[in-house]
N, C-alpha and C. Protein backbone atom coordinates (compact mmCIF):
# COMPACT_ATOMS: atom_id res chain seq x y z
N MET A 1 0.80 -1.08 -0.08
CA MET A 1 -0.48 -0.31 0.07
C MET A 1 0.70 1.36 -0.13
N GLU A 2 0.40 1.98 -0.66
CA GLU A 2 1.31 3.79 -1.15
C GLU A 2 1.27 4.21 0.21
N SER A 3 0.45 4.79 0.76
CA SER A 3 -0.08 5.67 1.31
C SER A 3 -1.28 5.16 2.61
N ALA A 4 -1.38 5.66 3.95
CA ALA A 4 -2.68 5.37 4.70
C ALA A 4 -3.94 5.42 4.16
N SER A 5 -4.50 6.32 3.22
CA SER A 5 -5.20 7.31 2.66
C SER A 5 -5.52 6.96 0.97
N GLN A 6 -4.38 6.41 0.74
CA GLN A 6 -5.33 5.65 -0.39
C GLN A 6 -6.71 4.88 -0.26
N ASP A 7 -7.02 5.18 -1.31
CA ASP A 7 -8.26 4.55 -1.87
C ASP A 7 -8.55 2.55 -1.98
N ILE A 8 -9.09 2.28 -1.17
CA ILE A 8 -9.34 0.92 -1.22
C ILE A 8 -10.11 0.35 -2.38
N ASN A 9 -9.70 -0.77 -2.87
CA ASN A 9 -11.07 -1.46 -4.49
C ASN A 9 -11.77 -1.50 -3.62
N LEU A 10 -13.36 -1.91 -2.91
CA LEU A 10 -14.02 -2.45 -2.27
C LEU A 10 -14.64 -3.43 -2.98
N ASN A 11 -14.55 -4.38 -3.99
CA ASN A 11 -15.37 -4.13 -4.87
C ASN A 11 -14.18 -5.71 -5.93
N SER A 12 -12.58 -5.07 -5.26
CA SER A 12 -11.99 -6.23 -5.15
C SER A 12 -12.38 -7.93 -4.62
N PRO A 13 -12.39 -8.95 -5.25
CA PRO A 13 -12.74 -10.50 -5.04
C PRO A 13 -11.62 -11.32 -3.55
N ASN A 14 -10.38 -9.73 -3.78
CA ASN A 14 -9.35 -10.48 -2.53
C ASN A 14 -10.04 -9.54 -1.34
N LYS A 15 -10.36 -9.01 -1.15
CA LYS A 15 -10.61 -7.72 -0.64
C LYS A 15 -10.25 -8.21 1.42
N GLY A 16 -9.54 -8.09 2.20
CA GLY A 16 -9.68 -9.82 3.08
C GLY A 16 -8.50 -10.32 3.10
N LEU A 17 -8.39 -10.90 2.17
CA LEU A 17 -7.12 -11.66 2.25
C LEU A 17 -5.69 -11.27 1.87
N LEU A 18 -4.99 -11.24 3.29
CA LEU A 18 -4.02 -11.12 3.51
C LEU A 18 -4.36 -10.11 2.61
N SER A 19 -4.02 -8.43 2.42
CA SER A 19 -4.51 -7.67 1.40
C SER A 19 -3.01 -6.68 1.45
N ASP A 20 -2.49 -6.76 2.50
CA ASP A 20 -0.77 -6.18 2.85
C ASP A 20 0.12 -7.33 1.22
N THR A 21 0.37 -8.31 1.24
CA THR A 21 1.09 -9.28 -0.25
C THR A 21 0.33 -9.78 -1.54
N MET A 22 -1.09 -9.16 -0.92
CA MET A 22 -1.81 -9.65 -2.78
C MET A 22 -1.97 -8.76 -3.11
N THR A 23 -2.39 -8.84 -4.39
CA THR A 23 -2.72 -6.73 -5.48
C THR A 23 -4.19 -7.28 -5.74
N ASP A 24 -5.03 -6.62 -5.49
CA ASP A 24 -6.38 -6.50 -5.74
C ASP A 24 -6.03 -7.21 -7.80
N VAL A 25 -6.94 -7.73 -7.76
CA VAL A 25 -7.49 -7.71 -9.10
C VAL A 25 -8.64 -7.49 -9.71
N PRO A 26 -8.43 -6.69 -10.20
CA PRO A 26 -10.26 -6.19 -11.02
C PRO A 26 -10.55 -7.27 -11.41
N VAL A 27 -12.18 -7.19 -11.34
CA VAL A 27 -13.17 -8.08 -12.24
C VAL A 27 -13.24 -7.16 -13.07
N ASP A 28 -13.38 -8.86 -14.56
CA ASP A 28 -13.64 -8.22 -15.02
C ASP A 28 -14.75 -8.84 -16.13
N ASN A 29 -15.86 -7.85 -16.60
CA ASN A 29 -16.88 -8.57 -16.89
C ASN A 29 -17.49 -8.31 -18.41
N THR A 30 -16.35 -8.13 -19.10
CA THR A 30 -16.14 -8.48 -20.40
C THR A 30 -16.43 -9.54 -21.29
N ALA A 31 -16.91 -9.08 -22.38
CA ALA A 31 -17.16 -10.39 -23.11
C ALA A 31 -16.31 -11.10 -23.62
N SER A 32 -15.00 -10.57 -23.38
CA SER A 32 -13.35 -11.66 -23.65
C SER A 32 -13.09 -12.14 -21.75
N ALA A 33 -13.79 -12.01 -21.29
CA ALA A 33 -13.44 -13.13 -19.97
C ALA A 33 -14.31 -14.25 -19.72
N ARG A 34 -15.60 -13.30 -20.56
CA ARG A 34 -16.38 -14.21 -20.20
C ARG A 34 -16.59 -16.58 -21.01
N THR A 35 -16.27 -17.33 -20.10
CA THR A 35 -16.02 -18.81 -20.96
C THR A 35 -18.30 -18.82 -21.58
N SER A 36 -17.60 -19.86 -21.71
CA SER A 36 -18.77 -20.66 -22.53
C SER A 36 -19.92 -21.03 -21.24
N ALA A 37 -21.02 -20.83 -21.60
CA ALA A 37 -21.85 -20.50 -20.56
C ALA A 37 -22.96 -22.67 -19.61
N PRO A 38 -22.52 -22.59 -18.69
CA PRO A 38 -22.30 -23.14 -17.74
C PRO A 38 -23.82 -23.79 -18.53
N GLU A 39 -23.39 -25.37 -18.62
CA GLU A 39 -24.36 -26.89 -18.86
C GLU A 39 -26.39 -26.36 -18.16
N GLY A 40 -27.42 -26.23 -19.39
CA GLY A 40 -28.24 -25.71 -19.22
C GLY A 40 -28.86 -23.93 -18.62
N LEU A 41 -28.33 -23.43 -19.15
CA LEU A 41 -28.10 -22.12 -18.75
C LEU A 41 -28.39 -21.27 -20.39
N THR A 42 -29.48 -21.08 -20.63
CA THR A 42 -29.55 -20.02 -21.79
C THR A 42 -28.00 -19.07 -21.98
N ASP A 43 -28.19 -18.09 -22.77
CA ASP A 43 -28.06 -16.87 -22.82
C ASP A 43 -28.37 -15.93 -21.45
N ALA A 44 -29.68 -15.31 -22.59
CA ALA A 44 -29.95 -14.76 -21.55
C ALA A 44 -30.23 -14.97 -19.51
N GLU A 45 -30.26 -16.13 -19.31
CA GLU A 45 -29.91 -16.95 -17.98
C GLU A 45 -29.17 -16.28 -17.66
N GLU A 46 -27.74 -16.47 -19.03
CA GLU A 46 -26.34 -16.02 -17.23
C GLU A 46 -26.56 -14.62 -17.39
N GLU A 47 -27.25 -14.05 -19.44
CA GLU A 47 -26.61 -12.37 -18.65
C GLU A 47 -27.19 -12.02 -17.30
N GLU A 48 -28.84 -12.70 -16.62
CA GLU A 48 -29.39 -12.26 -15.75
C GLU A 48 -28.64 -12.07 -14.82
N LEU A 49 -28.65 -13.78 -14.95
CA LEU A 49 -26.85 -14.16 -13.18
C LEU A 49 -25.38 -13.08 -13.83
N ARG A 50 -25.62 -12.65 -14.26
CA ARG A 50 -23.92 -11.84 -14.43
C ARG A 50 -24.35 -10.72 -13.60
N SER A 51 -25.60 -9.74 -14.34
CA SER A 51 -25.72 -8.79 -14.09
C SER A 51 -26.20 -8.70 -12.11
N GLU A 52 -27.22 -9.90 -12.04
CA GLU A 52 -27.58 -9.32 -10.46
C GLU A 52 -26.43 -9.76 -9.71
N LEU A 53 -24.97 -10.22 -10.18
CA LEU A 53 -24.35 -11.07 -9.42
C LEU A 53 -22.93 -9.32 -9.37
N ALA A 54 -23.27 -8.63 -10.64
CA ALA A 54 -22.24 -7.39 -10.44
C ALA A 54 -23.71 -6.48 -9.84
N LYS A 55 -24.99 -6.26 -9.46
CA LYS A 55 -25.93 -5.41 -8.40
C LYS A 55 -24.96 -6.19 -6.96
N VAL A 56 -25.14 -7.40 -6.81
CA VAL A 56 -24.46 -7.66 -5.93
C VAL A 56 -22.90 -7.39 -5.02
N GLU A 57 -21.92 -6.93 -6.28
CA GLU A 57 -20.92 -6.96 -5.84
C GLU A 57 -20.88 -5.34 -5.42
N GLU A 58 -21.88 -4.51 -6.64
CA GLU A 58 -22.03 -3.10 -6.03
C GLU A 58 -22.51 -2.89 -4.86
N GLU A 59 -23.58 -3.80 -4.21
CA GLU A 59 -23.72 -3.22 -2.68
C GLU A 59 -23.32 -4.12 -1.21
N ILE A 60 -22.20 -4.76 -2.00
CA ILE A 60 -21.37 -5.07 -1.76
C ILE A 60 -20.00 -4.25 -0.67
N GLY A 61 -19.49 -3.42 -1.79
CA GLY A 61 -18.64 -2.29 -2.09
C GLY A 61 -19.26 -0.90 -1.20
N THR A 62 -20.80 -1.36 -0.80
CA THR A 62 -21.00 -0.09 -0.87
C THR A 62 -21.61 0.03 0.98
N LEU A 63 -22.05 -1.35 0.86
CA LEU A 63 -22.11 -2.17 2.89
C LEU A 63 -20.32 -2.21 3.44
N ARG A 64 -19.15 -1.76 2.17
CA ARG A 64 -17.97 -1.67 2.65
C ARG A 64 -17.80 -0.73 3.28
N GLN A 65 -18.16 0.75 2.79
CA GLN A 65 -17.64 1.70 2.27
C GLN A 65 -18.17 2.40 3.50
N VAL A 66 -19.44 2.12 3.65
CA VAL A 66 -21.39 2.49 4.73
C VAL A 66 -20.60 1.76 6.19
N LEU A 67 -19.99 0.61 6.23
CA LEU A 67 -19.01 -0.02 7.84
C LEU A 67 -17.52 0.94 8.23
N ALA A 68 -17.32 1.84 6.79
CA ALA A 68 -16.07 2.06 7.51
C ALA A 68 -15.65 2.98 7.43
N ALA A 69 -16.80 4.29 7.43
CA ALA A 69 -17.50 5.53 7.54
C ALA A 69 -18.19 5.42 8.82
N LYS A 70 -18.96 4.09 9.22
CA LYS A 70 -19.57 4.19 10.63
C LYS A 70 -18.02 3.67 11.49
N GLU A 71 -17.24 3.32 11.26
CA GLU A 71 -15.96 2.89 12.55
C GLU A 71 -14.89 3.76 12.63
N ARG A 72 -15.29 4.93 11.48
CA ARG A 72 -14.50 5.69 11.86
C ARG A 72 -15.13 6.74 12.74
N HIS A 73 -16.72 7.21 12.46
CA HIS A 73 -17.22 8.76 13.86
C HIS A 73 -17.66 7.17 14.60
N CYS A 74 -17.13 6.10 15.21
CA CYS A 74 -17.08 5.44 16.08
C CYS A 74 -16.53 5.59 16.61
N GLY A 75 -15.04 5.87 16.70
CA GLY A 75 -13.71 5.85 17.21
C GLY A 75 -13.42 7.10 17.05
N GLU A 76 -14.19 8.28 16.83
CA GLU A 76 -13.51 9.76 16.70
C GLU A 76 -14.50 9.53 18.63
N LEU A 77 -15.95 9.89 18.33
CA LEU A 77 -16.73 9.44 19.23
C LEU A 77 -16.28 8.66 20.83
N LYS A 78 -15.66 7.66 20.57
CA LYS A 78 -15.30 7.44 21.74
C LYS A 78 -13.77 8.71 21.89
N ARG A 79 -12.52 8.55 20.77
CA ARG A 79 -11.64 9.51 21.62
C ARG A 79 -12.41 11.50 21.79
N LYS A 80 -13.66 11.70 21.39
CA LYS A 80 -14.76 12.79 22.16
C LYS A 80 -14.33 12.38 23.26
N LEU A 81 -15.24 10.87 23.70
CA LEU A 81 -15.12 10.95 25.27
C LEU A 81 -14.66 10.45 26.06
N GLY A 82 -13.44 9.83 25.72
CA GLY A 82 -12.37 9.60 26.35
C GLY A 82 -12.03 8.39 26.20
N LEU A 83 -12.43 7.70 25.96
CA LEU A 83 -12.05 6.29 26.13
C LEU A 83 -11.30 5.51 25.69
N THR A 84 -10.51 4.53 25.78
CA THR A 84 -9.55 4.65 25.52
C THR A 84 -9.45 2.84 24.65
N THR A 85 -8.96 1.86 23.87
CA THR A 85 -8.82 0.83 23.38
C THR A 85 -8.96 0.32 24.82
N PHE A 86 -7.67 0.35 25.90
CA PHE A 86 -7.62 0.40 27.29
C PHE A 86 -9.11 -0.99 27.42
N ASP A 87 -9.96 0.79 27.46
CA ASP A 87 -10.98 0.47 28.30
C ASP A 87 -11.74 -0.67 27.53
N GLY A 88 -11.79 -0.52 25.78
CA GLY A 88 -12.90 -1.55 25.30
C GLY A 88 -12.20 -2.85 25.75
N LEU A 89 -10.59 -3.71 25.97
CA LEU A 89 -10.20 -3.98 26.07
C LEU A 89 -11.30 -5.08 28.17
N LYS A 90 -10.67 -3.86 28.86
CA LYS A 90 -11.18 -4.30 30.00
C LYS A 90 -12.99 -4.99 30.03
N GLN A 91 -13.93 -4.06 28.90
CA GLN A 91 -15.24 -4.10 28.91
C GLN A 91 -15.04 -5.85 28.25
N ASN A 92 -14.59 -5.83 27.96
CA ASN A 92 -14.45 -7.47 27.14
C ASN A 92 -14.32 -8.55 27.59
N LEU A 93 -12.82 -8.32 28.70
CA LEU A 93 -12.51 -9.15 29.79
C LEU A 93 -13.60 -8.95 30.46
N SER A 94 -13.81 -8.63 31.07
CA SER A 94 -15.11 -8.22 32.07
C SER A 94 -16.65 -9.99 31.62
N LYS A 95 -16.67 -8.29 30.39
CA LYS A 95 -17.86 -9.37 30.19
C LYS A 95 -17.80 -10.99 29.14
N SER A 96 -15.78 -11.45 29.21
CA SER A 96 -16.20 -12.69 28.83
C SER A 96 -15.78 -13.38 30.22
N TRP A 97 -14.96 -12.66 31.55
CA TRP A 97 -15.48 -12.88 32.60
C TRP A 97 -16.71 -13.59 33.14
N HIS A 98 -17.33 -13.21 32.96
CA HIS A 98 -18.76 -13.40 33.30
C HIS A 98 -19.76 -13.99 32.53
N ASP A 99 -19.08 -14.30 30.78
CA ASP A 99 -20.13 -15.29 30.17
C ASP A 99 -19.74 -16.82 30.82
N VAL A 100 -18.16 -16.46 31.13
CA VAL A 100 -17.37 -18.10 31.40
C VAL A 100 -18.46 -18.09 32.88
N GLN A 101 -18.09 -17.34 33.45
CA GLN A 101 -18.69 -17.68 35.38
C GLN A 101 -20.30 -18.37 34.74
N GLY A 102 -21.04 -17.84 33.89
CA GLY A 102 -22.74 -18.38 33.91
C GLY A 102 -22.83 -19.55 33.06
N SER A 103 -20.94 -20.13 32.36
CA SER A 103 -21.53 -21.08 31.28
C SER A 103 -21.01 -22.41 32.58
N ASN A 104 -22.57 -23.61 32.26
CA ASN A 104 -22.33 -24.96 32.65
C ASN A 104 -21.08 -25.40 33.28
N ALA A 105 -20.06 -25.22 32.42
CA ALA A 105 -19.57 -25.93 31.95
C ALA A 105 -18.09 -25.54 33.48
N TYR A 106 -17.96 -23.68 33.77
CA TYR A 106 -17.34 -23.47 34.95
C TYR A 106 -18.21 -23.84 36.39
N LYS A 107 -19.85 -23.40 36.36
CA LYS A 107 -20.41 -23.79 37.59
C LYS A 107 -20.49 -25.86 38.24
N LYS A 108 -19.93 -26.41 36.79
CA LYS A 108 -19.36 -27.59 37.61
C LYS A 108 -18.68 -28.29 38.47
N THR A 109 -18.03 -27.50 37.43
CA THR A 109 -16.01 -27.26 37.65
C THR A 109 -15.75 -27.02 39.35
N GLN A 110 -16.87 -25.69 39.42
CA GLN A 110 -16.24 -24.50 40.48
C GLN A 110 -17.05 -25.87 41.71
N GLU A 111 -18.69 -26.42 41.71
CA GLU A 111 -19.17 -27.23 42.62
C GLU A 111 -18.13 -28.41 42.76
N THR A 112 -16.95 -28.88 42.13
CA THR A 112 -16.30 -30.36 42.46
C THR A 112 -15.03 -29.89 43.03
N LEU A 113 -14.84 -28.96 42.93
CA LEU A 113 -14.17 -27.85 43.39
C LEU A 113 -14.62 -27.37 45.27
N SER A 114 -15.91 -27.53 44.58
CA SER A 114 -15.87 -26.68 46.34
C SER A 114 -16.28 -28.00 47.35
N GLN A 115 -16.56 -29.44 46.75
CA GLN A 115 -16.07 -30.93 47.57
C GLN A 115 -15.88 -31.10 47.56
N ALA A 116 -14.34 -30.93 46.56
CA ALA A 116 -13.38 -31.74 46.84
C ALA A 116 -12.47 -30.63 48.18
N GLY A 117 -12.35 -29.86 48.41
CA GLY A 117 -12.03 -28.56 49.09
C GLY A 117 -12.98 -29.69 51.10
N GLN A 118 -13.88 -29.39 50.57
CA GLN A 118 -15.11 -29.93 52.15
C GLN A 118 -14.19 -31.07 52.39
N LYS A 119 -14.31 -31.95 51.38
CA LYS A 119 -13.52 -33.72 51.75
C LYS A 119 -12.20 -33.72 52.73
N THR A 120 -11.44 -32.01 52.12
CA THR A 120 -10.03 -32.30 52.06
C THR A 120 -10.43 -31.76 53.82
N SER A 121 -11.04 -30.04 53.74
CA SER A 121 -10.83 -30.10 55.59
C SER A 121 -11.68 -31.20 56.10
N ALA A 122 -12.28 -31.92 55.59
CA ALA A 122 -12.24 -32.60 56.57
C ALA A 122 -11.65 -34.27 57.21
N ALA A 123 -11.20 -34.23 55.87
CA ALA A 123 -9.99 -35.22 56.62
C ALA A 123 -8.58 -34.76 56.86
N LEU A 124 -7.87 -33.39 56.61
CA LEU A 124 -7.08 -32.19 57.58
C LEU A 124 -8.27 -32.52 59.13
N SER A 125 -9.23 -32.26 59.39
CA SER A 125 -9.26 -32.58 60.69
C SER A 125 -9.23 -34.08 61.83
N ASN A 126 -10.06 -34.56 60.71
CA ASN A 126 -9.41 -36.24 61.06
C ASN A 126 -8.47 -36.60 61.79
N VAL A 127 -7.34 -36.00 60.51
CA VAL A 127 -6.19 -36.58 61.11
C VAL A 127 -5.25 -35.81 62.54
N GLY A 128 -5.34 -34.22 61.88
CA GLY A 128 -5.65 -33.46 63.38
C GLY A 128 -5.77 -34.40 64.79
N SER A 129 -7.31 -34.92 64.81
CA SER A 129 -8.00 -35.06 66.19
C SER A 129 -7.64 -36.65 66.58
N VAL A 130 -6.49 -37.22 64.94
CA VAL A 130 -5.70 -38.49 65.11
C VAL A 130 -4.80 -38.47 64.95
N ILE A 131 -3.95 -36.96 65.57
CA ILE A 131 -2.49 -37.02 66.31
C ILE A 131 -2.36 -37.11 67.40
N SER A 132 -4.17 -36.02 67.44
CA SER A 132 -4.07 -34.90 68.65
C SER A 132 -4.75 -36.35 70.28
N ARG A 133 -5.38 -37.40 69.43
CA ARG A 133 -5.47 -38.20 70.71
C ARG A 133 -4.13 -39.68 71.13
N LYS A 134 -3.40 -39.26 69.58
CA LYS A 134 -1.68 -40.27 69.92
C LYS A 134 -0.77 -39.69 70.68
N LEU A 135 -0.87 -38.31 70.61
CA LEU A 135 0.20 -37.98 71.71
C LEU A 135 -0.19 -37.75 72.52
N GLY A 136 -1.97 -37.36 73.32
CA GLY A 136 -1.79 -38.14 74.06
C GLY A 136 -2.30 -38.74 75.01
N ASP A 137 -2.44 -39.96 74.40
CA ASP A 137 -1.87 -41.76 74.69
C ASP A 137 -0.39 -41.75 75.27
N MET A 138 0.60 -41.22 73.75
CA MET A 138 1.69 -41.60 74.35
C MET A 138 2.68 -40.87 75.39
N ARG A 139 1.80 -39.47 75.63
CA ARG A 139 1.94 -39.13 77.12
C ARG A 139 1.83 -39.59 78.35
N ASN A 140 0.47 -40.59 78.25
CA ASN A 140 0.03 -41.50 79.33
C ASN A 140 0.53 -42.24 79.29
N SER A 141 1.90 -42.85 78.44
CA SER A 141 1.95 -44.06 78.48
C SER A 141 3.39 -44.55 79.37
N THR A 142 3.50 -45.92 80.27
CA THR A 142 4.62 -45.51 81.37
C THR A 142 6.41 -45.57 80.68
N THR A 143 6.12 -45.40 79.11
CA THR A 143 7.72 -44.78 79.15
C THR A 143 8.16 -43.16 79.15
N PHE A 144 6.64 -42.91 78.77
CA PHE A 144 6.84 -41.35 78.77
C PHE A 144 6.79 -41.02 79.82
N LYS A 145 6.45 -41.55 80.92
CA LYS A 145 6.44 -40.99 82.28
C LYS A 145 7.56 -41.16 83.17
N SER A 146 8.15 -42.08 82.36
CA SER A 146 9.47 -42.18 82.95
C SER A 146 10.41 -41.17 82.57
N PHE A 147 10.37 -40.97 81.32
CA PHE A 147 11.51 -39.99 80.18
C PHE A 147 11.05 -38.79 81.36
N GLU A 148 10.05 -38.93 81.55
CA GLU A 148 9.33 -37.40 81.70
C GLU A 148 10.04 -37.24 83.92
N ASP A 149 10.29 -38.01 84.68
CA ASP A 149 10.13 -38.05 85.47
C ASP A 149 12.01 -38.32 85.31
N ARG A 150 12.65 -38.84 84.60
CA ARG A 150 13.45 -38.10 84.76
C ARG A 150 14.53 -36.57 84.95
N VAL A 151 13.90 -36.69 83.55
CA VAL A 151 14.25 -35.08 83.93
C VAL A 151 13.71 -34.25 84.20
N GLY A 152 12.74 -34.11 84.85
CA GLY A 152 12.02 -33.51 86.23
C GLY A 152 13.22 -34.12 87.60
N THR A 153 13.46 -35.05 87.55
CA THR A 153 14.93 -34.67 89.09
C THR A 153 16.24 -34.35 87.77
N ILE A 154 16.20 -34.86 87.45
CA ILE A 154 17.77 -33.53 86.42
C ILE A 154 17.62 -33.05 86.92
N LYS A 155 16.60 -32.05 86.41
CA LYS A 155 16.49 -30.82 85.92
C LYS A 155 16.03 -29.76 87.77
N SER A 156 15.79 -30.93 88.67
CA SER A 156 15.80 -30.34 90.26
C SER A 156 16.63 -30.54 90.67
N ARG A 157 17.88 -31.09 89.89
CA ARG A 157 19.29 -30.93 90.76
C ARG A 157 19.45 -30.48 90.13
N VAL A 158 19.98 -29.68 88.70
CA VAL A 158 20.27 -28.89 88.46
C VAL A 158 20.00 -27.31 89.32
N VAL A 159 18.82 -26.63 88.51
CA VAL A 159 18.50 -25.83 89.88
C VAL A 159 18.24 -25.68 91.48
N GLY A 160 18.41 -27.03 92.04
CA GLY A 160 18.91 -27.30 93.29
C GLY A 160 20.30 -26.73 93.71
N SER A 161 20.98 -27.52 92.62
CA SER A 161 22.73 -26.86 92.67
C SER A 161 22.67 -25.45 92.79
N ARG A 162 22.17 -24.82 91.83
CA ARG A 162 21.90 -23.30 91.48
C ARG A 162 21.66 -22.78 93.07
N GLU A 163 20.48 -23.53 93.40
CA GLU A 163 19.60 -22.76 94.74
C GLU A 163 20.78 -22.83 95.79
N ASN A 164 21.37 -23.51 95.80
CA ASN A 164 22.63 -23.43 97.64
C ASN A 164 23.32 -22.89 97.38
N SER A 165 23.99 -22.11 95.87
CA SER A 165 25.18 -21.44 95.64
C SER A 165 24.80 -20.28 96.32
N THR A 166 25.25 -19.36 96.77
CA THR A 166 25.04 -18.22 96.92
C THR A 166 26.72 -16.84 96.06
N ASP A 167 26.03 -17.40 94.60
CA ASP A 167 26.91 -16.17 93.71
C ASP A 167 26.29 -13.98 93.87
N PRO A 168 27.47 -14.24 94.33
CA PRO A 168 27.29 -12.08 93.83
C PRO A 168 26.58 -12.08 92.84
N HIS A 169 26.86 -12.78 92.00
CA HIS A 169 26.58 -12.34 90.40
C HIS A 169 25.19 -13.00 89.85
N SER A 170 24.54 -13.00 90.60
CA SER A 170 22.93 -13.97 90.01
C SER A 170 22.46 -12.86 89.98
N PRO A 171 20.85 -13.10 89.30
CA PRO A 171 20.80 -12.44 88.97
C PRO A 171 19.45 -11.00 89.70
N THR A 172 19.58 -11.78 91.04
CA THR A 172 18.87 -11.55 91.93
C THR A 172 19.53 -10.14 93.12
N GLY A 173 20.73 -10.32 92.70
CA GLY A 173 21.88 -9.42 92.94
C GLY A 173 22.35 -10.05 94.50
N SER A 174 22.40 -10.30 95.86
CA SER A 174 22.99 -10.86 96.27
C SER A 174 23.05 -12.44 97.18
N GLY A 175 23.18 -12.81 96.21
CA GLY A 175 23.02 -14.36 96.77
C GLY A 175 21.03 -14.96 96.65
N ASP A 176 20.31 -14.10 96.72
CA ASP A 176 18.67 -14.33 96.85
C ASP A 176 18.56 -15.71 95.99
N LYS A 177 17.95 -16.62 96.30
CA LYS A 177 17.28 -17.88 95.87
C LYS A 177 15.92 -17.14 95.39
N PRO A 178 16.06 -17.94 93.54
CA PRO A 178 15.09 -17.73 92.72
C PRO A 178 13.77 -18.07 92.92
N PRO A 179 12.98 -17.62 92.71
CA PRO A 179 11.50 -18.62 92.75
C PRO A 179 11.42 -19.79 92.69
N GLN A 180 10.99 -20.82 92.91
CA GLN A 180 11.09 -21.81 92.75
C GLN A 180 10.04 -22.02 91.80
N ASP A 181 10.94 -22.90 90.68
CA ASP A 181 9.58 -23.49 89.67
C ASP A 181 9.23 -25.41 89.15
N ASN A 182 8.25 -25.81 89.74
CA ASN A 182 8.16 -26.94 90.61
C ASN A 182 7.11 -27.60 88.77
N ALA A 183 7.22 -26.66 87.88
CA ALA A 183 7.06 -27.62 87.10
C ALA A 183 8.00 -28.65 85.96
N PRO A 184 7.75 -29.66 85.47
CA PRO A 184 8.58 -31.28 85.20
C PRO A 184 9.20 -30.79 83.84
N PHE A 185 8.73 -29.45 83.46
CA PHE A 185 9.96 -29.23 82.22
C PHE A 185 11.21 -27.88 82.66
């Protein structure tokens, strides 16, 4: 294309088909371009069909010109209103998302995922309950009680030896005994 303002041949049979790489080929309606009449058509019928074809092609060209003018006018109105391409894209995406949410496939998927989430939540809750119960059972076992008693004994020995010392550098100042902690740990 030579310039953006160049008129486009709207009657071209190649209109809209890779127009950047193909050249418009004019349609030649002269007698030299005609082939013999298809079987079953008389010359009068063929001439009538060619005439109708020419009218339809002319109407198509006119409609393309009207559409191009309407699109230009639409663009001018949008520009005057401050509407940008981004706004249009945003509207299209919003509408598309709304359409997707209304589709049966989306609703079925949403329902399935919701059910899966509920089942997963219930399963995790059950696992938490089982772990809590097993830890409680373990704490009440004789092995754990024996371990707890030994740790308590070691702690009391360590704390006891600290209580008997009179360290002038202790946190309480002059060797006062810290308050006793009777917790097992």
